[in-house]
C-alpha atoms as a PDB file:
ATOM      1  CA  UNK A   1     152.479 118.951  55.043  1.00  0.00           C
ATOM      2  CA  UNK A   2     153.125 122.604  55.195  1.00  0.00           C
ATOM      3  CA  UNK A   3     150.040 124.476  53.089  1.00  0.00           C
ATOM      4  CA  UNK A   4     148.232 127.672  53.311  1.00  0.00           C
ATOM      5  CA  UNK A   5     144.969 127.958  51.764  1.00  0.00           C
ATOM      6  CA  UNK A   6     143.341 130.986  50.986  1.00  0.00           C
ATOM      7  CA  UNK A   7     139.099 131.454  50.641  1.00  0.00           C
ATOM      8  CA  UNK A   8     136.473 134.043  50.583  1.00  0.00           C
ATOM      9  CA  UNK A   9     137.384 136.487  47.803  1.00  0.00           C
ATOM     10  CA  UNK A  10     134.371 136.981  45.107  1.00  0.00           C
ATOM     11  CA  UNK A  11     133.042 139.854  43.117  1.00  0.00           C
ATOM     12  CA  UNK A  12     131.638 142.711  45.264  1.00  0.00           C
ATOM     13  CA  UNK A  13     130.271 146.616  44.767  1.00  0.00           C
ATOM     14  CA  UNK A  14     132.020 149.390  45.697  1.00  0.00           C
ATOM     15  CA  UNK A  15     131.695 150.341  49.862  1.00  0.00           C
ATOM     16  CA  UNK A  16     131.005 146.656  50.184  1.00  0.00           C
ATOM     17  CA  UNK A  17     132.821 144.316  52.966  1.00  0.00           C
ATOM     18  CA  UNK A  18     134.838 140.833  52.365  1.00  0.00           C
ATOM     19  CA  UNK A  19     136.174 137.975  54.859  1.00  0.00           C
ATOM     20  CA  UNK A  20     139.569 136.404  53.550  1.00  0.00           C
ATOM     21  CA  UNK A  21     140.389 133.645  55.582  1.00  0.00           C
ATOM     22  CA  UNK A  22     143.726 131.866  55.144  1.00  0.00           C
ATOM     23  CA  UNK A  23     143.709 128.655  56.802  1.00  0.00           C
ATOM     24  CA  UNK A  24     147.108 126.955  57.367  1.00  0.00           C
ATOM     25  CA  UNK A  25     148.700 123.208  58.289  1.00  0.00           C
ATOM     26  CA  UNK A  26     151.870 122.495  58.870  1.00  0.00           C
ATOM     27  CA  UNK A  27     152.130 125.648  61.386  1.00  0.00           C
ATOM     28  CA  UNK A  28     151.588 126.270  64.900  1.00  0.00           C
ATOM     29  CA  UNK A  29     150.624 129.896  63.794  1.00  0.00           C
ATOM     30  CA  UNK A  30     151.449 131.775  67.025  1.00  0.00           C
ATOM     31  CA  UNK A  31     155.394 130.768  66.256  1.00  0.00           C
ATOM     32  CA  UNK A  32     154.665 132.881  62.825  1.00  0.00           C
ATOM     33  CA  UNK A  33     154.217 136.710  61.475  1.00  0.00           C
ATOM     34  CA  UNK A  34     151.731 135.822  58.967  1.00  0.00           C
ATOM     35  CA  UNK A  35     151.127 138.644  55.881  1.00  0.00           C
ATOM     36  CA  UNK A  36     148.549 139.106  53.337  1.00  0.00           C
ATOM     37  CA  UNK A  37     150.016 140.267  49.903  1.00  0.00           C
ATOM     38  CA  UNK A  38     147.742 141.403  47.020  1.00  0.00           C
ATOM     39  CA  UNK A  39     148.170 141.517  43.001  1.00  0.00           C
ATOM     40  CA  UNK A  40     146.700 143.762  40.433  1.00  0.00           C
ATOM     41  CA  UNK A  41     147.055 142.959  37.102  1.00  0.00           C
ATOM     42  CA  UNK A  42     150.508 144.415  35.654  1.00  0.00           C
ATOM     43  CA  UNK A  43     151.418 145.302  39.087  1.00  0.00           C
ATOM     44  CA  UNK A  44     153.978 144.471  41.377  1.00  0.00           C
ATOM     45  CA  UNK A  45     152.693 142.102  44.257  1.00  0.00           C
ATOM     46  CA  UNK A  46     152.043 144.265  47.569  1.00  0.00           C
ATOM     47  CA  UNK A  47     152.310 143.786  51.306  1.00  0.00           C
ATOM     48  CA  UNK A  48     148.683 144.838  53.069  1.00  0.00           C
ATOM     49  CA  UNK A  49     148.706 143.622  56.469  1.00  0.00           C
ATOM     50  CA  UNK A  50     150.905 141.713  58.723  1.00  0.00           C
ATOM     51  CA  UNK A  51     149.491 140.008  62.379  1.00  0.00           C
ATOM     52  CA  UNK A  52     153.219 139.728  64.743  1.00  0.00           C
ATOM     53  CA  UNK A  53     153.779 136.009  65.925  1.00  0.00           C
ATOM     54  CA  UNK A  54     154.318 137.151  69.509  1.00  0.00           C
ATOM     55  CA  UNK A  55     151.133 139.557  70.524  1.00  0.00           C
ATOM     56  CA  UNK A  56     149.019 139.495  67.443  1.00  0.00           C
ATOM     57  CA  UNK A  57     150.745 143.276  66.551  1.00  0.00           C
ATOM     58  CA  UNK A  58     148.549 143.891  63.294  1.00  0.00           C
ATOM     59  CA  UNK A  59     150.120 146.305  60.673  1.00  0.00           C
ATOM     60  CA  UNK A  60     148.591 148.099  58.100  1.00  0.00           C
ATOM     61  CA  UNK A  61     149.755 149.353  54.182  1.00  0.00           C
ATOM     62  CA  UNK A  62     148.786 153.334  54.135  1.00  0.00           C
ATOM     63  CA  UNK A  63     146.184 152.313  51.047  1.00  0.00           C
ATOM     64  CA  UNK A  64     144.155 149.719  53.689  1.00  0.00           C
ATOM     65  CA  UNK A  65     144.753 151.447  56.865  1.00  0.00           C
ATOM     66  CA  UNK A  66     141.352 151.959  58.635  1.00  0.00           C
ATOM     67  CA  UNK A  67     139.149 149.575  56.385  1.00  0.00           C
ATOM     68  CA  UNK A  68     141.009 146.088  56.713  1.00  0.00           C
ATOM     69  CA  UNK A  69     141.359 144.608  59.550  1.00  0.00           C
ATOM     70  CA  UNK A  70     143.742 141.254  60.166  1.00  0.00           C
ATOM     71  CA  UNK A  71     143.113 138.791  63.289  1.00  0.00           C
ATOM     72  CA  UNK A  72     144.052 135.042  64.030  1.00  0.00           C
ATOM     73  CA  UNK A  73     142.659 132.350  65.299  1.00  0.00           C
ATOM     74  CA  UNK A  74     145.260 130.133  66.940  1.00  0.00           C
ATOM     75  CA  UNK A  75     142.843 127.401  67.888  1.00  0.00           C
ATOM     76  CA  UNK A  76     141.839 126.983  64.747  1.00  0.00           C
ATOM     77  CA  UNK A  77     144.972 128.479  62.373  1.00  0.00           C
ATOM     78  CA  UNK A  78     143.069 130.595  60.802  1.00  0.00           C
ATOM     79  CA  UNK A  79     144.251 134.296  59.795  1.00  0.00           C
ATOM     80  CA  UNK A  80     141.285 136.625  59.015  1.00  0.00           C
ATOM     81  CA  UNK A  81     141.756 139.593  56.450  1.00  0.00           C
ATOM     82  CA  UNK A  82     138.049 141.852  57.110  1.00  0.00           C
ATOM     83  CA  UNK A  83     138.131 144.187  54.043  1.00  0.00           C
ATOM     84  CA  UNK A  84     135.701 147.122  54.590  1.00  0.00           C
ATOM     85  CA  UNK A  85     134.798 150.396  52.549  1.00  0.00           C
ATOM     86  CA  UNK A  86     135.641 148.103  49.111  1.00  0.00           C
ATOM     87  CA  UNK A  87     137.383 149.858  46.309  1.00  0.00           C
ATOM     88  CA  UNK A  88     137.663 149.113  42.720  1.00  0.00           C
ATOM     89  CA  UNK A  89     141.428 149.793  43.605  1.00  0.00           C
ATOM     90  CA  UNK A  90     141.807 146.971  46.243  1.00  0.00           C
ATOM     91  CA  UNK A  91     140.816 144.417  42.923  1.00  0.00           C
ATOM     92  CA  UNK A  92     143.711 141.869  43.391  1.00  0.00           C
ATOM     93  CA  UNK A  93     144.068 138.764  43.850  1.00  0.00           C
ATOM     94  CA  UNK A  94     144.941 137.932  47.695  1.00  0.00           C
ATOM     95  CA  UNK A  95     147.538 135.896  49.152  1.00  0.00           C
ATOM     96  CA  UNK A  96     148.351 134.280  52.395  1.00  0.00           C
ATOM     97  CA  UNK A  97     152.400 134.144  53.369  1.00  0.00           C
ATOM     98  CA  UNK A  98     154.459 132.672  55.766  1.00  0.00           C
ATOM     99  CA  UNK A  99     158.291 133.371  55.475  1.00  0.00           C
ATOM    100  CA  UNK A 100     158.871 131.106  52.115  1.00  0.00           C
ATOM    101  CA  UNK A 101     155.521 129.580  51.937  1.00  0.00           C
ATOM    102  CA  UNK A 102     152.463 131.227  49.993  1.00  0.00           C
ATOM    103  CA  UNK A 103     148.855 130.071  49.283  1.00  0.00           C
ATOM    104  CA  UNK A 104     147.142 129.905  45.846  1.00  0.00           C
ATOM    105  CA  UNK A 105     145.462 133.596  45.970  1.00  0.00           C
ATOM    106  CA  UNK A 106     142.232 134.112  46.192  1.00  0.00           C
ATOM    107  CA  UNK A 107     140.379 136.728  43.496  1.00  0.00           C
ATOM    108  CA  UNK A 108     139.046 139.782  44.994  1.00  0.00           C
ATOM    109  CA  UNK A 109     136.954 142.270  42.688  1.00  0.00           C
ATOM    110  CA  UNK A 110     135.245 145.154  43.696  1.00  0.00           C
ATOM    111  CA  UNK A 111     133.283 146.791  40.405  1.00  0.00           C
ATOM    112  CA  UNK A 112     129.950 148.466  39.946  1.00  0.00           C
END
């Protein structure tokens, strides 16, 4: 069964950190590029980061570059998004994506 399950979201203060996880079942991660998207209230879903399937090359949107780090553990079939120096504008539901498959999302709220 193909499934993506995100976890790790929560409520944090500005400047704090969170690590999101995306557990993939039904996929062999080193055969797929994996992306993280986010959607804030009233806004379109936007790409945040992705990691390539062959050599795990990461890419980031300008809004998170230098603060977020994507990585994956092929042995555990999990993709991570380490988020540092969080800002209120990072508040959104974060989704994991492989091809046409999406997880259910995990809420990240950054507020003082």
